[in-house]
Amino acid sequence: MFTRPGHSIREFIEGKRVKHFKPLWLVAVLGALYGFL
């Protein structure tokens, strides 16, 4: 995702969300990691 963000975003928009994390779950994890730092 970090090497080709456009590719991931395009797949997500097209509905190929199986490989990707759910957006709210990802936000929750990033928030938790940020809280630990």
N, C-alpha and C. Protein backbone atom coordinates (compact mmCIF):
# COMPACT_ATOMS: atom_id res chain seq x y z
N MET A 1 0.82 -1.19 0.00
CA MET A 1 0.00 0.00 0.00
C MET A 1 0.87 1.25 0.00
N PHE A 2 1.97 1.20 0.71
CA PHE A 2 2.81 2.39 0.80
C PHE A 2 3.67 2.57 -0.45
N THR A 3 3.93 1.49 -1.17
CA THR A 3 4.75 1.62 -2.37
C THR A 3 3.93 2.05 -3.57
N ARG A 4 2.66 1.65 -3.63
CA ARG A 4 1.78 2.03 -4.74
C ARG A 4 0.41 2.43 -4.21
N PRO A 5 0.31 3.62 -3.58
CA PRO A 5 -0.97 4.00 -2.98
C PRO A 5 -2.09 4.15 -3.99
N GLY A 6 -1.78 4.66 -5.18
CA GLY A 6 -2.81 4.85 -6.20
C GLY A 6 -3.44 3.53 -6.61
N HIS A 7 -2.64 2.50 -6.72
CA HIS A 7 -3.13 1.18 -7.11
C HIS A 7 -4.11 0.65 -6.06
N SER A 8 -3.76 0.78 -4.79
CA SER A 8 -4.63 0.30 -3.72
C SER A 8 -5.93 1.07 -3.67
N ILE A 9 -5.84 2.39 -3.84
CA ILE A 9 -7.05 3.22 -3.81
C ILE A 9 -7.96 2.85 -4.97
N ARG A 10 -7.38 2.64 -6.15
CA ARG A 10 -8.18 2.29 -7.32
C ARG A 10 -8.90 0.96 -7.10
N GLU A 11 -8.20 -0.04 -6.58
CA GLU A 11 -8.84 -1.33 -6.31
C GLU A 11 -9.93 -1.19 -5.27
N PHE A 12 -9.69 -0.37 -4.25
CA PHE A 12 -10.68 -0.19 -3.19
C PHE A 12 -11.95 0.43 -3.76
N ILE A 13 -11.79 1.42 -4.62
CA ILE A 13 -12.95 2.09 -5.22
C ILE A 13 -13.71 1.12 -6.12
N GLU A 14 -12.99 0.26 -6.81
CA GLU A 14 -13.63 -0.69 -7.72
C GLU A 14 -14.32 -1.83 -6.97
N GLY A 15 -14.15 -1.88 -5.67
CA GLY A 15 -14.85 -2.88 -4.88
C GLY A 15 -14.02 -4.10 -4.54
N LYS A 16 -12.73 -4.08 -4.86
CA LYS A 16 -11.87 -5.22 -4.54
C LYS A 16 -11.33 -5.02 -3.13
N ARG A 17 -12.21 -5.11 -2.15
CA ARG A 17 -11.85 -4.75 -0.79
C ARG A 17 -11.42 -5.95 0.04
N VAL A 18 -11.38 -7.12 -0.56
CA VAL A 18 -11.06 -8.32 0.20
C VAL A 18 -9.63 -8.25 0.73
N LYS A 19 -8.70 -7.72 -0.09
CA LYS A 19 -7.30 -7.68 0.30
C LYS A 19 -7.00 -6.54 1.26
N HIS A 20 -7.92 -5.59 1.37
CA HIS A 20 -7.66 -4.38 2.13
C HIS A 20 -8.34 -4.43 3.49
N PHE A 21 -7.77 -3.70 4.42
CA PHE A 21 -8.39 -3.58 5.73
C PHE A 21 -9.64 -2.72 5.62
N LYS A 22 -10.57 -2.94 6.53
CA LYS A 22 -11.73 -2.06 6.59
C LYS A 22 -11.26 -0.69 7.08
N PRO A 23 -11.74 0.37 6.45
CA PRO A 23 -11.23 1.72 6.77
C PRO A 23 -11.34 2.07 8.25
N LEU A 24 -12.47 1.78 8.87
CA LEU A 24 -12.63 2.13 10.28
C LEU A 24 -11.69 1.33 11.16
N TRP A 25 -11.47 0.07 10.81
CA TRP A 25 -10.54 -0.76 11.58
C TRP A 25 -9.13 -0.20 11.46
N LEU A 26 -8.77 0.22 10.25
CA LEU A 26 -7.43 0.77 10.03
C LEU A 26 -7.25 2.05 10.83
N VAL A 27 -8.25 2.91 10.85
CA VAL A 27 -8.18 4.15 11.62
C VAL A 27 -8.03 3.84 13.11
N ALA A 28 -8.76 2.85 13.59
CA ALA A 28 -8.68 2.48 15.00
C ALA A 28 -7.28 1.99 15.36
N VAL A 29 -6.70 1.17 14.50
CA VAL A 29 -5.35 0.64 14.75
C VAL A 29 -4.32 1.77 14.72
N LEU A 30 -4.42 2.65 13.73
CA LEU A 30 -3.48 3.76 13.65
C LEU A 30 -3.62 4.68 14.86
N GLY A 31 -4.85 4.89 15.31
CA GLY A 31 -5.07 5.71 16.50
C GLY A 31 -4.45 5.07 17.73
N ALA A 32 -4.58 3.76 17.84
CA ALA A 32 -4.00 3.05 18.98
C ALA A 32 -2.47 3.13 18.94
N LEU A 33 -1.89 2.94 17.77
CA LEU A 33 -0.44 3.04 17.64
C LEU A 33 0.04 4.45 17.97
N TYR A 34 -0.70 5.44 17.51
CA TYR A 34 -0.33 6.82 17.79
C TYR A 34 -0.40 7.10 19.29
N GLY A 35 -1.37 6.49 19.96
CA GLY A 35 -1.50 6.66 21.40
C GLY A 35 -0.31 6.08 22.16
N PHE A 36 0.28 5.02 21.64
CA PHE A 36 1.42 4.40 22.30
C PHE A 36 2.70 5.20 22.13
N LEU A 37 2.76 6.01 21.08
CA LEU A 37 4.00 6.76 20.80
C LEU A 37 4.16 8.00 21.64
